[in-house]
């Protein structure tokens, strides 16, 4: 029972958004700035409040919002939208009006590249699994033919995805 309680305590402490030192520093503008630069939603403020309340510390929500708003100006750039999308990151609709349209357009384009790269990895993984199966000596002729057909189809799909990725990369270069 003691071990279960200790594990629960460790799990809960791992969820805190700020350490006691961070809470005591009182740099709410800086915390907000960093959260904004990372594209955090405003709900993050509630998480910080909860974390700091454990230490009896109140947050200056206004300073936090000011910092977050400033940080969002850095986060919500078209270049960052493309970077976040291409890395497969999620977007929480945090960009203010006027910055959101171009950020989102670039994010979607970057995310399309991410999806194609993920598809290529999945195809490569399946081809490797088929190659492993084909190396087995005890395969029936029918199973071997089926695997070779599947591998050929995957090679064709791989070639299509490679072409798609090259086009997307070329478009990306031209857009810069």
N, C-alpha and C. Protein backbone atom coordinates (compact mmCIF):
# COMPACT_ATOMS: atom_id res chain seq x y z
N UNK A 1 0.82 -1.19 0.00
CA UNK A 1 0.00 0.00 0.00
C UNK A 1 0.87 1.27 0.00
N UNK A 2 1.96 1.23 0.78
CA UNK A 2 2.87 2.36 0.83
C UNK A 2 3.45 2.63 -0.56
N UNK A 3 3.83 1.57 -1.27
CA UNK A 3 4.42 1.73 -2.61
C UNK A 3 3.41 2.34 -3.58
N UNK A 4 2.15 1.92 -3.46
CA UNK A 4 1.12 2.48 -4.32
C UNK A 4 0.94 3.97 -4.05
N UNK A 5 0.94 4.37 -2.79
CA UNK A 5 0.82 5.78 -2.42
C UNK A 5 2.00 6.58 -2.93
N UNK A 6 3.21 6.02 -2.81
CA UNK A 6 4.40 6.70 -3.28
C UNK A 6 4.36 6.87 -4.79
N UNK A 7 3.93 5.84 -5.50
CA UNK A 7 3.81 5.93 -6.96
C UNK A 7 2.78 6.99 -7.36
N UNK A 8 1.67 7.04 -6.64
CA UNK A 8 0.65 8.04 -6.93
C UNK A 8 1.18 9.45 -6.69
N UNK A 9 1.91 9.63 -5.61
CA UNK A 9 2.50 10.94 -5.31
C UNK A 9 3.49 11.35 -6.39
N UNK A 10 4.32 10.42 -6.82
CA UNK A 10 5.29 10.72 -7.88
C UNK A 10 4.58 11.06 -9.19
N UNK A 11 3.52 10.33 -9.49
CA UNK A 11 2.79 10.58 -10.73
C UNK A 11 2.15 11.96 -10.70
N UNK A 12 1.57 12.33 -9.56
CA UNK A 12 0.93 13.64 -9.45
C UNK A 12 1.94 14.76 -9.50
N UNK A 13 3.08 14.57 -8.87
CA UNK A 13 4.09 15.63 -8.89
C UNK A 13 4.68 15.79 -10.28
N UNK A 14 4.66 14.75 -11.10
CA UNK A 14 5.15 14.83 -12.47
C UNK A 14 4.25 15.65 -13.36
N UNK A 15 3.01 15.91 -12.90
CA UNK A 15 2.06 16.66 -13.70
C UNK A 15 2.17 18.17 -13.47
N UNK A 16 2.89 18.58 -12.44
CA UNK A 16 2.99 20.01 -12.15
C UNK A 16 3.66 20.73 -13.31
N UNK A 17 3.09 21.90 -13.65
CA UNK A 17 3.64 22.66 -14.78
C UNK A 17 4.82 23.51 -14.36
N UNK A 18 4.89 23.87 -13.06
CA UNK A 18 5.97 24.71 -12.56
C UNK A 18 6.50 24.13 -11.26
N UNK A 19 7.79 24.28 -11.04
CA UNK A 19 8.39 23.87 -9.78
C UNK A 19 8.14 24.94 -8.72
N UNK A 20 8.43 24.63 -7.49
CA UNK A 20 8.30 25.62 -6.42
C UNK A 20 9.20 26.82 -6.70
N UNK A 21 10.41 26.55 -7.18
CA UNK A 21 11.35 27.63 -7.50
C UNK A 21 10.76 28.55 -8.57
N UNK A 22 10.17 27.94 -9.61
CA UNK A 22 9.55 28.75 -10.67
C UNK A 22 8.41 29.60 -10.11
N UNK A 23 7.60 28.99 -9.25
CA UNK A 23 6.48 29.72 -8.66
C UNK A 23 6.98 30.87 -7.80
N UNK A 24 8.02 30.62 -7.02
CA UNK A 24 8.54 31.65 -6.11
C UNK A 24 9.27 32.78 -6.86
N UNK A 25 9.76 32.49 -8.06
CA UNK A 25 10.49 33.53 -8.80
C UNK A 25 9.57 34.69 -9.16
N UNK A 26 8.29 34.39 -9.38
CA UNK A 26 7.32 35.43 -9.66
C UNK A 26 7.45 36.10 -11.01
N UNK A 27 8.19 35.49 -11.93
CA UNK A 27 8.36 36.07 -13.26
C UNK A 27 7.22 35.61 -14.15
N UNK A 28 6.03 36.12 -13.88
CA UNK A 28 4.85 35.65 -14.62
C UNK A 28 4.86 36.12 -16.06
N UNK A 29 5.44 37.26 -16.32
CA UNK A 29 5.58 37.71 -17.70
C UNK A 29 6.47 36.72 -18.45
N UNK A 30 7.59 36.34 -17.85
CA UNK A 30 8.52 35.40 -18.48
C UNK A 30 7.90 34.03 -18.70
N UNK A 31 7.14 33.56 -17.72
CA UNK A 31 6.46 32.26 -17.87
C UNK A 31 5.45 32.34 -19.01
N UNK A 32 4.68 33.43 -19.03
CA UNK A 32 3.71 33.62 -20.11
C UNK A 32 4.38 33.74 -21.46
N UNK A 33 5.50 34.46 -21.50
CA UNK A 33 6.25 34.62 -22.75
C UNK A 33 6.69 33.27 -23.29
N UNK A 34 7.25 32.44 -22.42
CA UNK A 34 7.70 31.12 -22.84
C UNK A 34 6.53 30.25 -23.30
N UNK A 35 5.43 30.30 -22.56
CA UNK A 35 4.26 29.51 -22.97
C UNK A 35 3.73 29.99 -24.31
N UNK A 36 3.70 31.31 -24.52
CA UNK A 36 3.25 31.83 -25.81
C UNK A 36 4.16 31.39 -26.94
N UNK A 37 5.47 31.47 -26.72
CA UNK A 37 6.43 31.04 -27.75
C UNK A 37 6.30 29.56 -28.07
N UNK A 38 5.76 28.78 -27.12
CA UNK A 38 5.57 27.34 -27.33
C UNK A 38 4.16 27.02 -27.80
N UNK A 39 3.33 28.04 -28.02
CA UNK A 39 1.98 27.81 -28.54
C UNK A 39 1.02 27.22 -27.53
N UNK A 40 1.26 27.47 -26.26
CA UNK A 40 0.37 26.94 -25.22
C UNK A 40 -0.94 27.72 -25.19
N UNK A 41 -2.02 27.02 -24.91
CA UNK A 41 -3.32 27.69 -24.80
C UNK A 41 -3.40 28.42 -23.47
N UNK A 42 -4.37 29.30 -23.36
CA UNK A 42 -4.55 30.09 -22.14
C UNK A 42 -4.93 29.19 -20.95
N UNK A 43 -5.41 28.00 -21.22
CA UNK A 43 -5.74 27.07 -20.13
C UNK A 43 -4.48 26.69 -19.34
N UNK A 44 -3.34 26.91 -19.91
CA UNK A 44 -2.08 26.64 -19.22
C UNK A 44 -1.97 27.50 -17.95
N UNK A 45 -2.56 28.68 -17.97
CA UNK A 45 -2.55 29.56 -16.80
C UNK A 45 -3.22 28.85 -15.62
N UNK A 46 -4.33 28.17 -15.85
CA UNK A 46 -5.02 27.43 -14.78
C UNK A 46 -4.13 26.32 -14.24
N UNK A 47 -3.40 25.66 -15.12
CA UNK A 47 -2.49 24.60 -14.69
C UNK A 47 -1.37 25.18 -13.82
N UNK A 48 -0.86 26.33 -14.21
CA UNK A 48 0.17 26.99 -13.41
C UNK A 48 -0.39 27.41 -12.05
N UNK A 49 -1.62 27.96 -12.06
CA UNK A 49 -2.26 28.37 -10.79
C UNK A 49 -2.36 27.18 -9.85
N UNK A 50 -2.79 26.05 -10.40
CA UNK A 50 -2.94 24.84 -9.58
C UNK A 50 -1.59 24.39 -9.04
N UNK A 51 -0.57 24.40 -9.88
CA UNK A 51 0.77 23.98 -9.45
C UNK A 51 1.30 24.88 -8.34
N UNK A 52 1.14 26.19 -8.51
CA UNK A 52 1.69 27.14 -7.54
C UNK A 52 0.85 27.21 -6.26
N UNK A 53 -0.43 26.88 -6.36
CA UNK A 53 -1.27 26.90 -5.17
C UNK A 53 -0.81 25.85 -4.16
N UNK A 54 -0.18 24.80 -4.64
CA UNK A 54 0.36 23.77 -3.74
C UNK A 54 1.44 24.35 -2.83
N UNK A 55 2.06 25.44 -3.25
CA UNK A 55 3.11 26.09 -2.47
C UNK A 55 2.61 27.38 -1.82
N UNK A 56 1.29 27.62 -1.93
CA UNK A 56 0.71 28.82 -1.34
C UNK A 56 1.06 30.09 -2.07
N UNK A 57 1.30 29.98 -3.37
CA UNK A 57 1.75 31.13 -4.17
C UNK A 57 0.67 31.47 -5.20
N UNK A 58 0.35 32.75 -5.28
CA UNK A 58 -0.62 33.24 -6.28
C UNK A 58 0.12 33.71 -7.52
N UNK A 59 -0.55 33.58 -8.63
CA UNK A 59 0.01 33.99 -9.92
C UNK A 59 -0.55 35.34 -10.31
N UNK A 60 0.27 36.16 -10.93
CA UNK A 60 -0.18 37.43 -11.50
C UNK A 60 -0.66 37.13 -12.93
N UNK A 61 -1.96 36.85 -13.03
CA UNK A 61 -2.54 36.45 -14.31
C UNK A 61 -2.41 37.49 -15.40
N UNK A 62 -2.48 38.75 -15.03
CA UNK A 62 -2.37 39.83 -16.03
C UNK A 62 -0.97 39.86 -16.63
N UNK A 63 0.06 39.77 -15.79
CA UNK A 63 1.44 39.75 -16.31
C UNK A 63 1.67 38.49 -17.17
N UNK A 64 1.10 37.37 -16.73
CA UNK A 64 1.22 36.13 -17.50
C UNK A 64 0.61 36.33 -18.90
N UNK A 65 -0.61 36.87 -18.96
CA UNK A 65 -1.29 37.08 -20.24
C UNK A 65 -0.49 38.03 -21.15
N UNK A 66 0.06 39.08 -20.56
CA UNK A 66 0.87 40.01 -21.35
C UNK A 66 2.08 39.29 -21.96
N UNK A 67 2.75 38.48 -21.17
CA UNK A 67 3.89 37.73 -21.68
C UNK A 67 3.48 36.72 -22.73
N UNK A 68 2.37 36.02 -22.47
CA UNK A 68 1.89 35.01 -23.42
C UNK A 68 1.52 35.67 -24.74
N UNK A 69 0.82 36.80 -24.68
CA UNK A 69 0.45 37.51 -25.91
C UNK A 69 1.70 37.89 -26.71
N UNK A 70 2.74 38.34 -26.03
CA UNK A 70 4.00 38.69 -26.71
C UNK A 70 4.65 37.44 -27.30
N UNK A 71 4.63 36.34 -26.55
CA UNK A 71 5.21 35.09 -27.03
C UNK A 71 4.48 34.54 -28.24
N UNK A 72 3.16 34.71 -28.27
CA UNK A 72 2.39 34.24 -29.42
C UNK A 72 2.78 34.95 -30.70
N UNK A 73 3.24 36.19 -30.59
CA UNK A 73 3.69 36.90 -31.79
C UNK A 73 4.88 36.19 -32.42
N UNK A 74 5.70 35.58 -31.60
CA UNK A 74 6.85 34.82 -32.11
C UNK A 74 6.42 33.44 -32.61
N UNK A 75 5.47 32.83 -31.90
CA UNK A 75 4.99 31.49 -32.27
C UNK A 75 4.18 31.53 -33.57
N UNK A 76 3.34 32.53 -33.72
CA UNK A 76 2.36 32.56 -34.79
C UNK A 76 2.89 33.11 -36.11
N UNK A 77 4.12 32.84 -36.43
CA UNK A 77 4.68 33.25 -37.71
C UNK A 77 4.45 32.16 -38.75
N UNK A 78 4.38 32.51 -40.01
CA UNK A 78 4.22 31.49 -41.05
C UNK A 78 5.36 30.46 -41.01
N UNK A 79 6.59 30.92 -40.78
CA UNK A 79 7.73 30.01 -40.75
C UNK A 79 7.57 28.98 -39.62
N UNK A 80 7.11 29.44 -38.48
CA UNK A 80 6.92 28.52 -37.36
C UNK A 80 5.75 27.58 -37.63
N UNK A 81 4.72 28.07 -38.30
CA UNK A 81 3.60 27.20 -38.67
C UNK A 81 4.08 26.03 -39.51
N UNK A 82 4.93 26.32 -40.49
CA UNK A 82 5.47 25.26 -41.33
C UNK A 82 6.33 24.30 -40.51
N UNK A 83 7.14 24.84 -39.59
CA UNK A 83 8.00 24.00 -38.76
C UNK A 83 7.18 23.09 -37.84
N UNK A 84 6.17 23.66 -37.20
CA UNK A 84 5.33 22.88 -36.29
C UNK A 84 4.60 21.78 -37.07
N UNK A 85 4.06 22.13 -38.23
CA UNK A 85 3.37 21.13 -39.04
C UNK A 85 4.29 20.04 -39.53
N UNK A 86 5.46 20.43 -40.01
CA UNK A 86 6.39 19.45 -40.56
C UNK A 86 6.92 18.50 -39.49
N UNK A 87 6.95 18.96 -38.25
CA UNK A 87 7.41 18.08 -37.15
C UNK A 87 6.28 17.21 -36.62
N UNK A 88 5.06 17.42 -37.14
CA UNK A 88 3.93 16.62 -36.68
C UNK A 88 3.29 17.16 -35.41
N UNK A 89 3.68 18.38 -35.04
CA UNK A 89 3.12 18.99 -33.84
C UNK A 89 1.66 19.36 -34.03
N UNK A 90 0.96 19.49 -32.92
CA UNK A 90 -0.45 19.87 -33.01
C UNK A 90 -0.58 21.38 -32.86
N UNK A 91 -1.68 21.90 -33.35
CA UNK A 91 -1.95 23.32 -33.25
C UNK A 91 -3.25 23.50 -32.49
N UNK A 92 -3.20 24.29 -31.44
CA UNK A 92 -4.35 24.46 -30.56
C UNK A 92 -5.15 25.72 -30.81
N UNK A 93 -5.12 26.25 -32.03
CA UNK A 93 -5.88 27.46 -32.37
C UNK A 93 -5.60 28.60 -31.39
N UNK A 94 -4.32 28.86 -31.15
CA UNK A 94 -3.93 29.89 -30.19
C UNK A 94 -3.56 31.22 -30.85
N UNK A 95 -3.36 31.24 -32.14
CA UNK A 95 -2.91 32.47 -32.79
C UNK A 95 -4.04 33.49 -32.88
N UNK A 96 -3.71 34.74 -32.59
CA UNK A 96 -4.73 35.79 -32.66
C UNK A 96 -5.14 36.08 -34.10
N UNK A 97 -6.33 36.65 -34.23
CA UNK A 97 -6.83 37.04 -35.56
C UNK A 97 -5.79 37.93 -36.22
N UNK A 98 -5.63 37.73 -37.49
CA UNK A 98 -4.63 38.50 -38.23
C UNK A 98 -3.34 37.72 -38.42
N UNK A 99 -3.05 36.82 -37.50
CA UNK A 99 -1.86 35.98 -37.62
C UNK A 99 -2.23 34.53 -37.89
N UNK A 100 -3.46 34.17 -37.56
CA UNK A 100 -3.85 32.77 -37.63
C UNK A 100 -3.97 32.21 -39.04
N UNK A 101 -4.45 32.99 -39.99
CA UNK A 101 -4.69 32.46 -41.34
C UNK A 101 -3.40 32.00 -42.02
N UNK A 102 -2.38 32.86 -42.01
CA UNK A 102 -1.12 32.48 -42.68
C UNK A 102 -0.39 31.39 -41.89
N UNK A 103 -0.43 31.49 -40.55
CA UNK A 103 0.17 30.43 -39.73
C UNK A 103 -0.47 29.09 -40.07
N UNK A 104 -1.80 29.07 -40.11
CA UNK A 104 -2.52 27.82 -40.36
C UNK A 104 -2.27 27.29 -41.76
N UNK A 105 -2.20 28.18 -42.74
CA UNK A 105 -1.91 27.74 -44.12
C UNK A 105 -0.55 27.05 -44.18
N UNK A 106 0.44 27.66 -43.57
CA UNK A 106 1.78 27.08 -43.57
C UNK A 106 1.83 25.81 -42.71
N UNK A 107 1.11 25.81 -41.61
CA UNK A 107 1.04 24.62 -40.75
C UNK A 107 0.49 23.44 -41.53
N UNK A 108 -0.61 23.66 -42.23
CA UNK A 108 -1.24 22.56 -42.99
C UNK A 108 -0.30 22.05 -44.08
N UNK A 109 0.41 22.95 -44.74
CA UNK A 109 1.37 22.53 -45.76
C UNK A 109 2.49 21.69 -45.13
N UNK A 110 3.04 22.17 -44.02
CA UNK A 110 4.08 21.41 -43.32
C UNK A 110 3.57 20.08 -42.83
N UNK A 111 2.34 20.05 -42.36
CA UNK A 111 1.77 18.80 -41.85
C UNK A 111 1.56 17.80 -42.98
N UNK A 112 1.24 18.29 -44.17
CA UNK A 112 1.10 17.39 -45.33
C UNK A 112 2.45 16.71 -45.61
N UNK A 113 3.53 17.46 -45.53
CA UNK A 113 4.86 16.86 -45.71
C UNK A 113 5.11 15.81 -44.63
N UNK A 114 4.76 16.14 -43.40
CA UNK A 114 4.91 15.19 -42.29
C UNK A 114 4.14 13.89 -42.58
N UNK A 115 2.90 14.02 -43.06
CA UNK A 115 2.09 12.83 -43.34
C UNK A 115 2.72 11.96 -44.42
N UNK A 116 3.25 12.59 -45.46
CA UNK A 116 3.89 11.82 -46.54
C UNK A 116 5.12 11.11 -46.01
N UNK A 117 5.91 11.80 -45.18
CA UNK A 117 7.10 11.17 -44.60
C UNK A 117 6.71 10.01 -43.70
N UNK A 118 5.63 10.15 -42.94
CA UNK A 118 5.16 9.06 -42.09
C UNK A 118 4.70 7.88 -42.93
N UNK A 119 4.00 8.15 -44.01
CA UNK A 119 3.55 7.09 -44.91
C UNK A 119 4.74 6.33 -45.49
N UNK A 120 5.78 7.07 -45.87
CA UNK A 120 6.98 6.41 -46.40
C UNK A 120 7.62 5.49 -45.35
N UNK A 121 7.66 5.97 -44.11
CA UNK A 121 8.23 5.13 -43.04
C UNK A 121 7.42 3.86 -42.84
N UNK A 122 6.09 3.99 -42.90
CA UNK A 122 5.23 2.82 -42.73
C UNK A 122 5.42 1.83 -43.89
N UNK A 123 5.52 2.35 -45.09
CA UNK A 123 5.75 1.49 -46.26
C UNK A 123 7.09 0.79 -46.12
N UNK A 124 8.14 1.53 -45.76
CA UNK A 124 9.46 0.93 -45.59
C UNK A 124 9.43 -0.17 -44.53
N UNK A 125 8.70 0.09 -43.46
CA UNK A 125 8.59 -0.89 -42.37
C UNK A 125 7.89 -2.17 -42.86
N UNK A 126 6.81 -2.00 -43.62
CA UNK A 126 6.10 -3.17 -44.13
C UNK A 126 6.95 -3.93 -45.14
N UNK A 127 7.68 -3.22 -45.99
CA UNK A 127 8.57 -3.89 -46.95
C UNK A 127 9.62 -4.70 -46.21
N UNK A 128 10.18 -4.15 -45.15
CA UNK A 128 11.18 -4.89 -44.36
C UNK A 128 10.56 -6.14 -43.74
N UNK A 129 9.32 -6.02 -43.27
CA UNK A 129 8.65 -7.19 -42.68
C UNK A 129 8.40 -8.26 -43.74
N UNK A 130 8.02 -7.83 -44.93
CA UNK A 130 7.80 -8.78 -46.03
C UNK A 130 9.11 -9.45 -46.40
N UNK A 131 10.18 -8.67 -46.50
CA UNK A 131 11.49 -9.25 -46.82
C UNK A 131 11.89 -10.30 -45.79
N UNK A 132 11.58 -10.02 -44.55
CA UNK A 132 11.88 -10.98 -43.48
C UNK A 132 11.07 -12.26 -43.67
N UNK A 133 9.80 -12.09 -44.01
CA UNK A 133 8.96 -13.27 -44.26
C UNK A 133 9.45 -14.06 -45.47
N UNK A 134 9.83 -13.34 -46.52
CA UNK A 134 10.29 -14.01 -47.73
C UNK A 134 11.58 -14.79 -47.51
N UNK A 135 12.34 -14.42 -46.51
CA UNK A 135 13.60 -15.11 -46.21
C UNK A 135 13.36 -16.47 -45.55
N UNK A 136 12.15 -16.69 -45.10
CA UNK A 136 11.84 -17.98 -44.47
C UNK A 136 11.79 -19.08 -45.52
N UNK A 137 12.35 -20.19 -45.18
CA UNK A 137 12.45 -21.31 -46.13
C UNK A 137 11.15 -22.09 -46.27
N UNK A 138 10.32 -22.08 -45.25
CA UNK A 138 9.14 -22.94 -45.24
C UNK A 138 7.87 -22.28 -45.75
N UNK A 139 7.98 -21.22 -46.53
CA UNK A 139 6.81 -20.55 -47.09
C UNK A 139 6.25 -21.35 -48.26
N UNK A 140 4.93 -21.39 -48.35
CA UNK A 140 4.32 -22.04 -49.51
C UNK A 140 4.52 -21.14 -50.73
N UNK A 141 4.42 -21.73 -51.90
CA UNK A 141 4.57 -20.96 -53.12
C UNK A 141 3.50 -19.88 -53.24
N UNK A 142 2.26 -20.21 -52.84
CA UNK A 142 1.18 -19.24 -52.89
C UNK A 142 1.47 -18.05 -51.97
N UNK A 143 1.91 -18.33 -50.75
CA UNK A 143 2.22 -17.26 -49.80
C UNK A 143 3.37 -16.40 -50.31
N UNK A 144 4.38 -17.03 -50.89
CA UNK A 144 5.53 -16.31 -51.43
C UNK A 144 5.08 -15.38 -52.57
N UNK A 145 4.20 -15.88 -53.47
CA UNK A 145 3.68 -15.06 -54.57
C UNK A 145 2.87 -13.87 -54.02
N UNK A 146 2.04 -14.15 -53.02
CA UNK A 146 1.22 -13.10 -52.42
C UNK A 146 2.11 -12.01 -51.81
N UNK A 147 3.14 -12.42 -51.10
CA UNK A 147 4.04 -11.45 -50.48
C UNK A 147 4.79 -10.65 -51.53
N UNK A 148 5.21 -11.30 -52.60
CA UNK A 148 5.92 -10.58 -53.66
C UNK A 148 5.01 -9.57 -54.35
N UNK A 149 3.73 -9.94 -54.56
CA UNK A 149 2.77 -8.99 -55.15
C UNK A 149 2.57 -7.80 -54.21
N UNK A 150 2.40 -8.10 -52.92
CA UNK A 150 2.22 -7.02 -51.95
C UNK A 150 3.46 -6.12 -51.92
N UNK A 151 4.63 -6.73 -51.98
CA UNK A 151 5.87 -5.95 -51.97
C UNK A 151 5.96 -5.07 -53.21
N UNK A 152 5.60 -5.62 -54.37
CA UNK A 152 5.62 -4.84 -55.60
C UNK A 152 4.65 -3.65 -55.52
N UNK A 153 3.45 -3.91 -54.99
CA UNK A 153 2.47 -2.83 -54.81
C UNK A 153 3.01 -1.76 -53.87
N UNK A 154 3.66 -2.19 -52.80
CA UNK A 154 4.23 -1.24 -51.85
C UNK A 154 5.37 -0.44 -52.47
N UNK A 155 6.16 -1.08 -53.30
CA UNK A 155 7.23 -0.36 -54.00
C UNK A 155 6.64 0.73 -54.91
N UNK A 156 5.54 0.39 -55.60
CA UNK A 156 4.88 1.38 -56.44
C UNK A 156 4.35 2.54 -55.59
N UNK A 157 3.71 2.20 -54.47
CA UNK A 157 3.18 3.24 -53.59
C UNK A 157 4.33 4.08 -53.02
N UNK A 158 5.43 3.44 -52.70
CA UNK A 158 6.60 4.15 -52.20
C UNK A 158 7.10 5.15 -53.23
N UNK A 159 7.19 4.71 -54.48
CA UNK A 159 7.64 5.60 -55.55
C UNK A 159 6.69 6.79 -55.70
N UNK A 160 5.37 6.54 -55.61
CA UNK A 160 4.39 7.62 -55.70
C UNK A 160 4.57 8.62 -54.56
N UNK A 161 4.76 8.11 -53.35
CA UNK A 161 4.94 8.99 -52.19
C UNK A 161 6.25 9.76 -52.28
N UNK A 162 7.29 9.12 -52.80
CA UNK A 162 8.57 9.82 -52.98
C UNK A 162 8.40 10.99 -53.96
N UNK A 163 7.68 10.74 -55.05
CA UNK A 163 7.44 11.81 -56.02
C UNK A 163 6.63 12.93 -55.37
N UNK A 164 5.62 12.56 -54.62
CA UNK A 164 4.81 13.56 -53.93
C UNK A 164 5.66 14.40 -52.97
N UNK A 165 6.55 13.74 -52.25
CA UNK A 165 7.42 14.44 -51.32
C UNK A 165 8.37 15.39 -52.05
N UNK A 166 8.92 14.95 -53.18
CA UNK A 166 9.80 15.81 -53.95
C UNK A 166 9.07 17.06 -54.44
N UNK A 167 7.83 16.89 -54.88
CA UNK A 167 7.03 18.03 -55.33
C UNK A 167 6.76 18.97 -54.16
N UNK A 168 6.36 18.42 -53.02
CA UNK A 168 6.10 19.26 -51.85
C UNK A 168 7.36 20.00 -51.41
N UNK A 169 8.49 19.31 -51.41
CA UNK A 169 9.75 19.97 -51.04
C UNK A 169 10.11 21.08 -52.03
N UNK A 170 9.87 20.84 -53.33
CA UNK A 170 10.16 21.87 -54.33
C UNK A 170 9.25 23.08 -54.15
N UNK A 171 7.98 22.83 -53.90
CA UNK A 171 7.04 23.93 -53.65
C UNK A 171 7.47 24.68 -52.40
N UNK A 172 7.89 23.95 -51.39
CA UNK A 172 8.33 24.58 -50.14
C UNK A 172 9.53 25.50 -50.39
N UNK A 173 10.46 25.05 -51.21
CA UNK A 173 11.63 25.89 -51.53
C UNK A 173 11.22 27.15 -52.29
N UNK A 174 10.29 27.00 -53.20
CA UNK A 174 9.84 28.16 -54.00
C UNK A 174 9.07 29.17 -53.16
N UNK A 175 8.43 28.71 -52.11
CA UNK A 175 7.63 29.60 -51.27
C UNK A 175 8.48 30.42 -50.33
N UNK A 176 9.70 30.05 -50.11
CA UNK A 176 10.56 30.78 -49.16
C UNK A 176 11.09 32.06 -49.74
